[in-house]
Amino acid sequence: MQALVTLPDADAGVRTVPIPAPGPGQVRVRVKAIALNPVDALYVAKPASAPGRVVGSDFAGIVDAVGEASDERPLWKVGDRVAGFLHGACQENTLPGAFAEYAVADADLIYGVPPNVTLEGAATLPLCINTASNGLFRVLGLPTPWSAAHAPSETITSSKRLAILIYSGATSVGAFAIQLARLSPSNPLIVTTASPSNAEYLKSLGADHVLDYHNPTWTQQARELASEAGAEFQWGLDCISEGDTVGIVSQVFDGAGKIATVRGPTQWAHDGIKEGVHAQYMAVWTLLGKEFWYNGGNHFPAEPTHRALAVAVYKYLTSGSESDSPDSSPLATGALKPNKIRLMPGGLADVPSAFALLGAGRVTEREKLEDMRPLRAEKMVYRLEQD
């Protein structure tokens, strides 16, 4: 099969690799669409493994083969439309990525795509909705839309209505975090930041207030809005987590609180974080349930409870919270919407040229091309055309 693999000199290219076979409890998917994430570009530009690894995280496609089931009722059959994410070229082991004609995934770590959602739209969800869920439900402790069973025991209590600050709501993670927070039974006041041009879009997803992050007084505005609503900030999700952003987010808290970050603690300043506010990094890869290493030293053990959260997320996406029927899926009902997509021309061979828009290189020379204009609250998606 054709796959996008890492090459020497921080590059990637299409090569022929063996078609994978599904093992017990797995399925093989004929990939029809892939969505690009910054981490895909990062681990080509700054390789974490030897050349030859299949790149990519998000995929959607058609079940092509089913491995031996662990019970009498397989989760999927050949022909089902599904989507998921893999840990492609992002770690020092041999797990394959998603940017290929075929991908193998655990059967309980993919979701069924309802008829009203295109495979291109479906590919925008897996990595970022799991990242948002990891932050909201495991780290911060918001009640989940599907079951209290996966909420952590440690939560922050208050006699007031709780508020959450989602920093950079127009990112893929931010857009899903807004929707999931709105679906949470905790009914928090949802305040987010974005450019004014994205304000109406984020309000349509469920944000109560969208503040312009260019305004130097936005943190004070957030505190005033919470006070007017009889709420207080005890939750924060920083969808950027670089430089001083974590410290800035902490300024909306009146007292104790918690911030979930999407990047590790070496990427953001610690000295500006308000006293009583705790920031915690959450690596979405732990939701795959396998141990991994970064750059030879940072070890992440297998976390069964983290994997259980991902299983719950995928089940919710497939059939909702109260039913096993696909008609109850929040995607089928419209309660949850995929990211807006920018459908890119070409296929696998053209993906590396798009990495520039995700932080792997300069974009000034490409801005004259419509498909290479700067991203604005949208996700790049490629179709993989196959006979």
Protein backbone atom coordinates (compact mmCIF):
# COMPACT_ATOMS: atom_id res chain seq x y z
CA MET A 1 0.00 0.00 0.00
CA GLN A 2 1.00 3.65 -0.32
CA ALA A 3 1.79 5.48 2.92
CA LEU A 4 3.32 8.78 3.98
CA VAL A 5 6.47 7.97 5.95
CA THR A 6 9.19 9.95 7.66
CA LEU A 7 12.38 10.48 5.65
CA PRO A 8 15.86 11.68 6.61
CA ASP A 9 16.46 15.42 6.92
CA ALA A 10 13.10 16.15 8.59
CA ASP A 11 10.98 15.33 5.56
CA ALA A 12 8.17 12.96 4.60
CA GLY A 13 7.27 11.19 1.38
CA VAL A 14 5.04 8.49 -0.07
CA ARG A 15 6.51 4.99 -0.06
CA THR A 16 5.18 1.46 -0.56
CA VAL A 17 4.80 -0.47 2.71
CA PRO A 18 3.09 -3.77 3.60
CA ILE A 19 -0.68 -3.75 4.10
CA PRO A 20 -1.29 -4.35 7.83
CA ALA A 21 -3.44 -7.22 9.09
CA PRO A 22 -5.84 -6.75 12.03
CA GLY A 23 -5.07 -8.72 15.16
CA PRO A 24 -7.55 -9.97 17.77
CA GLY A 25 -9.93 -7.20 18.79
CA GLN A 26 -8.85 -4.98 15.89
CA VAL A 27 -10.20 -3.85 12.54
CA ARG A 28 -8.53 -2.78 9.33
CA VAL A 29 -9.89 0.38 7.74
CA ARG A 30 -9.58 1.39 4.11
CA VAL A 31 -8.77 5.03 4.66
CA LYS A 32 -10.87 7.52 2.70
CA ALA A 33 -10.05 10.80 4.47
CA ILE A 34 -7.32 12.13 6.74
CA ALA A 35 -7.26 15.31 8.82
CA LEU A 36 -4.06 17.18 9.65
CA ASN A 37 -2.99 18.19 13.16
CA PRO A 38 0.00 20.29 14.27
CA VAL A 39 1.56 17.25 15.91
CA ASP A 40 1.73 15.50 12.53
CA ALA A 41 3.87 18.32 11.17
CA LEU A 42 5.90 18.58 14.37
CA TYR A 43 7.08 14.99 14.31
CA VAL A 44 8.18 15.29 10.72
CA ALA A 45 10.05 18.55 11.35
CA LYS A 46 11.47 17.27 14.67
CA PRO A 47 11.53 13.48 14.38
CA ALA A 48 11.00 11.43 17.53
CA SER A 49 11.89 8.16 15.83
CA ALA A 50 14.00 6.69 13.03
CA PRO A 51 12.99 7.33 9.38
CA GLY A 52 10.45 5.03 7.79
CA ARG A 53 7.60 5.47 10.26
CA VAL A 54 4.07 6.02 8.91
CA VAL A 55 2.94 9.57 9.70
CA GLY A 56 -0.44 10.79 10.86
CA SER A 57 -3.15 10.73 13.50
CA ASP A 58 -6.73 11.27 12.28
CA PHE A 59 -8.42 9.00 9.75
CA ALA A 60 -11.87 7.99 8.52
CA GLY A 61 -12.87 5.23 6.15
CA ILE A 62 -14.56 1.89 5.58
CA VAL A 63 -13.97 -1.27 7.62
CA ASP A 64 -12.14 -3.64 5.29
CA ALA A 65 -11.32 -6.58 7.58
CA VAL A 66 -12.19 -7.62 11.13
CA GLY A 67 -9.84 -9.45 13.47
CA GLU A 68 -10.92 -12.17 15.85
CA ALA A 69 -13.46 -10.71 18.27
CA SER A 70 -13.03 -10.98 22.02
CA ASP A 71 -16.73 -11.80 22.39
CA GLU A 72 -19.54 -13.32 20.33
CA ARG A 73 -20.74 -9.96 19.04
CA PRO A 74 -18.14 -8.05 17.02
CA LEU A 75 -18.38 -4.28 17.30
CA TRP A 76 -17.99 -3.77 13.54
CA LYS A 77 -18.55 -5.51 10.23
CA VAL A 78 -16.97 -5.06 6.83
CA GLY A 79 -18.45 -2.00 5.15
CA ASP A 80 -19.07 0.07 8.29
CA ARG A 81 -18.00 3.72 8.18
CA VAL A 82 -15.68 4.54 11.08
CA ALA A 83 -13.07 7.05 12.26
CA GLY A 84 -10.30 7.13 14.85
CA PHE A 85 -6.77 8.29 15.58
CA LEU A 86 -3.37 6.61 15.79
CA HIS A 87 0.01 7.60 17.22
CA GLY A 88 1.84 8.06 13.97
CA ALA A 89 5.59 8.74 13.93
CA CYS A 90 5.28 10.50 17.28
CA GLN A 91 7.10 8.10 19.54
CA GLU A 92 10.02 5.75 19.82
CA ASN A 93 8.29 2.49 19.00
CA THR A 94 6.85 0.87 15.92
CA LEU A 95 3.15 1.77 16.10
CA PRO A 96 1.99 2.83 12.62
CA GLY A 97 0.26 6.07 11.74
CA ALA A 98 -2.91 6.88 9.83
CA PHE A 99 -1.73 8.58 6.64
CA ALA A 100 -1.88 5.48 4.47
CA GLU A 101 -4.29 3.56 2.28
CA TYR A 102 -5.06 1.19 5.15
CA ALA A 103 -4.94 1.57 8.93
CA VAL A 104 -5.41 -0.90 11.78
CA ALA A 105 -7.06 0.18 15.04
CA ASP A 106 -8.48 -1.39 18.18
CA ALA A 107 -12.16 -2.09 17.57
CA ASP A 108 -13.26 -0.16 20.67
CA LEU A 109 -11.10 2.87 19.84
CA ILE A 110 -13.00 4.01 16.75
CA TYR A 111 -16.50 5.41 16.32
CA GLY A 112 -19.29 4.77 13.85
CA VAL A 113 -19.92 7.64 11.44
CA PRO A 114 -23.64 8.43 11.00
CA PRO A 115 -25.10 8.94 7.50
CA ASN A 116 -25.45 12.71 7.92
CA VAL A 117 -21.70 13.19 8.50
CA THR A 118 -19.21 12.95 5.65
CA LEU A 119 -16.03 10.95 6.10
CA GLU A 120 -14.13 14.19 5.57
CA GLY A 121 -15.96 15.76 8.50
CA ALA A 122 -15.66 12.60 10.58
CA ALA A 123 -11.87 12.68 10.26
CA THR A 124 -11.72 16.02 12.09
CA LEU A 125 -12.94 14.58 15.39
CA PRO A 126 -10.86 11.74 16.86
CA LEU A 127 -7.61 13.28 18.10
CA CYS A 128 -8.99 16.64 19.16
CA ILE A 129 -12.27 15.51 20.71
CA ASN A 130 -10.30 13.00 22.76
CA THR A 131 -7.86 15.75 23.74
CA ALA A 132 -10.76 17.94 24.82
CA SER A 133 -12.38 15.05 26.72
CA ASN A 134 -9.10 14.20 28.41
CA GLY A 135 -8.79 17.76 29.65
CA LEU A 136 -12.40 18.41 30.60
CA PHE A 137 -13.38 15.10 32.15
CA ARG A 138 -10.23 13.40 33.40
CA VAL A 139 -8.05 16.35 34.42
CA LEU A 140 -10.59 19.03 35.34
CA GLY A 141 -13.36 16.71 36.50
CA LEU A 142 -16.42 18.03 34.67
CA PRO A 143 -19.24 15.46 34.66
CA THR A 144 -19.36 13.71 31.30
CA PRO A 145 -22.37 13.88 28.96
CA TRP A 146 -22.62 10.08 29.02
CA SER A 147 -21.84 8.75 32.49
CA ALA A 148 -20.46 9.81 35.84
CA ALA A 149 -18.45 6.59 35.90
CA HIS A 150 -15.55 8.16 34.04
CA ALA A 151 -15.33 11.37 36.08
CA PRO A 152 -12.34 11.47 38.47
CA SER A 153 -12.85 11.32 42.22
CA GLU A 154 -10.99 14.58 42.74
CA THR A 155 -13.21 17.52 41.78
CA ILE A 156 -13.37 21.15 42.82
CA THR A 157 -16.60 22.09 44.58
CA SER A 158 -18.27 25.47 44.91
CA SER A 159 -21.58 26.85 46.12
CA LYS A 160 -21.69 29.05 43.01
CA ARG A 161 -22.25 28.12 39.41
CA LEU A 162 -18.93 27.05 37.96
CA ALA A 163 -17.32 28.75 35.00
CA ILE A 164 -14.76 27.42 32.55
CA LEU A 165 -12.31 29.44 30.49
CA ILE A 166 -11.39 27.79 27.19
CA TYR A 167 -8.40 29.67 25.84
CA SER A 168 -8.30 29.75 22.02
CA GLY A 169 -11.74 28.38 21.28
CA ALA A 170 -11.30 28.52 17.51
CA THR A 171 -8.71 25.73 17.57
CA SER A 172 -9.93 22.22 16.84
CA VAL A 173 -9.55 21.25 20.49
CA GLY A 174 -11.25 24.44 21.62
CA ALA A 175 -14.25 23.98 19.34
CA PHE A 176 -14.86 20.46 20.67
CA ALA A 177 -14.24 21.55 24.27
CA ILE A 178 -16.94 24.21 23.96
CA GLN A 179 -19.45 21.67 22.68
CA LEU A 180 -18.60 19.03 25.27
CA ALA A 181 -18.74 21.54 28.11
CA ARG A 182 -22.19 22.62 26.89
CA LEU A 183 -23.32 18.98 26.84
CA SER A 184 -22.00 18.36 30.37
CA PRO A 185 -24.72 18.15 33.04
CA SER A 186 -22.69 20.61 35.14
CA ASN A 187 -24.03 23.44 32.92
CA PRO A 188 -20.97 25.68 33.34
CA LEU A 189 -20.67 29.26 32.22
CA ILE A 190 -18.49 28.91 29.11
CA VAL A 191 -16.14 31.76 28.32
CA THR A 192 -13.65 31.48 25.48
CA THR A 193 -11.16 33.64 23.61
CA ALA A 194 -10.82 34.11 19.86
CA SER A 195 -10.59 36.72 17.16
CA PRO A 196 -13.83 38.71 16.73
CA SER A 197 -14.35 37.12 13.31
CA ASN A 198 -14.89 33.74 15.00
CA ALA A 199 -17.19 34.95 17.78
CA GLU A 200 -20.54 34.02 16.22
CA TYR A 201 -19.27 30.61 15.16
CA LEU A 202 -18.12 29.77 18.69
CA LYS A 203 -21.39 31.02 20.18
CA SER A 204 -23.23 28.70 17.81
CA LEU A 205 -21.22 25.83 19.32
CA GLY A 206 -22.27 26.76 22.85
CA ALA A 207 -19.98 29.48 24.17
CA ASP A 208 -21.72 32.01 26.41
CA HIS A 209 -19.11 34.70 25.84
CA VAL A 210 -16.30 35.11 23.31
CA LEU A 211 -13.60 37.60 24.29
CA ASP A 212 -11.03 39.12 21.96
CA TYR A 213 -7.65 37.85 23.15
CA HIS A 214 -5.99 40.90 21.55
CA ASN A 215 -7.68 43.09 24.18
CA PRO A 216 -5.26 43.46 27.12
CA THR A 217 -8.18 43.63 29.56
CA TRP A 218 -9.90 40.41 28.50
CA THR A 219 -9.09 38.56 31.74
CA GLN A 220 -10.77 41.32 33.74
CA GLN A 221 -13.75 41.18 31.38
CA ALA A 222 -13.99 37.44 32.00
CA ARG A 223 -14.03 37.93 35.77
CA GLU A 224 -16.75 40.56 35.48
CA LEU A 225 -18.90 38.33 33.27
CA ALA A 226 -18.60 35.48 35.75
CA SER A 227 -19.53 37.77 38.64
CA GLU A 228 -22.59 39.05 36.78
CA ALA A 229 -23.70 35.44 36.21
CA GLY A 230 -23.17 34.47 39.84
CA ALA A 231 -20.38 32.13 38.78
CA GLU A 232 -16.69 31.68 39.51
CA PHE A 233 -13.86 30.22 37.46
CA GLN A 234 -12.46 26.97 38.76
CA TRP A 235 -11.71 25.29 35.43
CA GLY A 236 -9.46 26.32 32.56
CA LEU A 237 -8.40 24.62 29.33
CA ASP A 238 -5.44 26.22 27.56
CA CYS A 239 -5.55 25.08 23.93
CA ILE A 240 -2.24 26.83 23.16
CA SER A 241 -0.08 26.17 26.28
CA GLU A 242 3.00 28.07 25.15
CA GLY A 243 5.03 30.84 26.72
CA ASP A 244 2.93 32.89 29.13
CA THR A 245 -0.52 31.62 28.10
CA VAL A 246 -1.03 29.39 31.16
CA GLY A 247 -0.19 32.27 33.47
CA ILE A 248 -2.57 34.56 31.59
CA VAL A 249 -5.40 32.02 31.85
CA SER A 250 -4.79 31.71 35.60
CA GLN A 251 -5.62 35.40 36.05
CA VAL A 252 -9.35 34.74 35.65
CA PHE A 253 -9.45 32.64 38.85
CA ASP A 254 -10.45 34.22 42.17
CA GLY A 255 -8.96 31.38 44.21
CA ALA A 256 -8.10 27.73 43.73
CA GLY A 257 -8.55 26.19 40.33
CA LYS A 258 -7.12 23.90 37.72
CA ILE A 259 -5.91 24.37 34.17
CA ALA A 260 -5.47 21.53 31.68
CA THR A 261 -2.72 22.13 29.13
CA VAL A 262 -2.23 20.58 25.69
CA ARG A 263 1.56 20.91 25.78
CA GLY A 264 4.06 19.73 28.35
CA PRO A 265 5.38 21.84 31.25
CA THR A 266 8.64 22.69 29.47
CA GLN A 267 6.65 24.63 26.87
CA TRP A 268 5.06 27.20 29.18
CA ALA A 269 6.23 29.62 31.87
CA HIS A 270 5.52 28.68 35.47
CA ASP A 271 6.38 31.89 37.30
CA GLY A 272 3.29 33.77 36.12
CA ILE A 273 0.72 31.25 37.33
CA LYS A 274 -1.54 32.63 40.03
CA GLU A 275 -1.16 31.15 43.51
CA GLY A 276 -3.65 28.37 44.18
CA VAL A 277 -4.06 27.51 40.50
CA HIS A 278 -2.63 24.17 39.37
CA ALA A 279 -1.74 23.48 35.74
CA GLN A 280 -1.56 19.89 34.49
CA TYR A 281 -0.44 18.54 31.13
CA MET A 282 -2.54 15.79 29.57
CA ALA A 283 -1.04 13.73 26.74
CA VAL A 284 -3.85 12.45 24.55
CA TRP A 285 -1.71 9.46 23.52
CA THR A 286 -2.24 7.83 26.92
CA LEU A 287 -5.87 7.28 25.87
CA LEU A 288 -4.65 4.63 23.42
CA GLY A 289 -3.68 2.47 26.39
CA LYS A 290 -0.10 1.71 25.31
CA GLU A 291 3.16 2.84 26.87
CA PHE A 292 5.36 5.18 24.88
CA TRP A 293 8.47 7.31 25.13
CA TYR A 294 9.40 10.76 23.88
CA ASN A 295 12.94 11.58 22.79
CA GLY A 296 14.53 8.71 24.66
CA GLY A 297 13.75 9.90 28.16
CA ASN A 298 10.11 10.77 28.85
CA HIS A 299 8.26 7.56 29.63
CA PHE A 300 4.47 7.36 29.64
CA PRO A 301 3.20 4.03 31.01
CA ALA A 302 0.08 2.27 29.79
CA GLU A 303 -2.93 3.78 31.58
CA PRO A 304 -6.00 1.50 31.53
CA THR A 305 -8.23 4.15 33.12
CA HIS A 306 -7.22 6.67 30.46
CA ARG A 307 -8.03 4.15 27.75
CA ALA A 308 -11.42 3.56 29.37
CA LEU A 309 -12.19 7.25 28.86
CA ALA A 310 -11.43 6.98 25.15
CA VAL A 311 -13.64 3.89 24.86
CA ALA A 312 -16.45 5.88 26.49
CA VAL A 313 -15.88 8.83 24.15
CA TYR A 314 -16.09 6.61 21.07
CA LYS A 315 -19.19 4.82 22.36
CA TYR A 316 -20.84 8.19 22.99
CA LEU A 317 -19.98 9.37 19.48
CA THR A 318 -21.39 6.14 18.05
CA SER A 319 -24.65 5.81 19.98
CA GLY A 320 -25.10 8.61 22.51
CA SER A 321 -25.52 8.28 26.26
CA GLU A 322 -28.81 6.47 26.76
CA SER A 323 -29.08 4.10 23.82
CA ASP A 324 -27.18 1.66 21.64
CA SER A 325 -28.85 3.14 18.57
CA PRO A 326 -26.74 5.11 16.08
CA ASP A 327 -29.73 7.43 15.75
CA SER A 328 -28.95 8.68 19.28
CA SER A 329 -25.40 9.69 18.39
CA PRO A 330 -24.78 13.39 19.16
CA LEU A 331 -23.42 13.64 15.63
CA ALA A 332 -26.62 12.16 14.20
CA THR A 333 -28.82 14.49 16.25
CA GLY A 334 -26.70 17.56 15.54
CA ALA A 335 -25.82 18.10 19.20
CA LEU A 336 -22.16 17.78 18.25
CA LYS A 337 -20.63 19.18 15.08
CA PRO A 338 -17.36 18.32 13.33
CA ASN A 339 -14.79 21.04 12.74
CA LYS A 340 -15.19 23.20 9.69
CA ILE A 341 -12.99 21.70 7.00
CA ARG A 342 -10.71 23.00 4.30
CA LEU A 343 -10.68 20.28 1.67
CA MET A 344 -7.18 20.24 0.25
CA PRO A 345 -6.31 19.37 -3.36
CA GLY A 346 -4.31 16.24 -4.05
CA GLY A 347 -3.61 13.26 -1.82
CA LEU A 348 -0.91 11.72 0.35
CA ALA A 349 1.97 13.12 -1.67
CA ASP A 350 0.67 16.66 -1.15
CA VAL A 351 0.37 16.50 2.65
CA PRO A 352 3.95 17.67 3.42
CA SER A 353 3.36 20.95 1.57
CA ALA A 354 0.43 21.68 3.91
CA PHE A 355 2.53 21.12 7.04
CA ALA A 356 3.81 24.70 6.66
CA LEU A 357 0.40 25.97 7.78
CA LEU A 358 0.69 23.89 10.96
CA GLY A 359 3.96 25.37 12.15
CA ALA A 360 6.57 23.30 10.34
CA GLY A 361 7.76 26.07 8.03
CA ARG A 362 7.17 29.47 6.44
CA VAL A 363 3.87 30.20 4.70
CA THR A 364 4.46 33.66 3.21
CA GLU A 365 5.34 32.32 -0.21
CA ARG A 366 2.16 30.22 -0.30
CA GLU A 367 -0.43 32.74 0.86
CA LYS A 368 -1.24 33.65 -2.76
CA LEU A 369 -2.69 30.14 -3.18
CA GLU A 370 -6.26 29.75 -1.96
CA ASP A 371 -5.64 26.39 -0.31
CA MET A 372 -2.55 27.80 1.46
CA ARG A 373 -4.18 30.88 2.99
CA PRO A 374 -3.77 31.04 6.81
CA LEU A 375 -6.10 28.74 8.72
CA ARG A 376 -9.12 30.32 10.39
CA ALA A 377 -11.19 28.02 12.64
CA GLU A 378 -10.93 25.16 10.17
CA LYS A 379 -9.10 21.89 9.70
CA MET A 380 -7.24 20.68 6.62
CA VAL A 381 -8.56 17.41 5.21
CA TYR A 382 -7.36 15.28 2.31
CA ARG A 383 -9.34 12.65 0.46
CA LEU A 384 -7.59 9.40 -0.35
CA GLU A 385 -9.05 8.25 -3.64
CA GLN A 386 -8.86 4.49 -4.16
CA ASP A 387 -10.24 2.12 -6.80
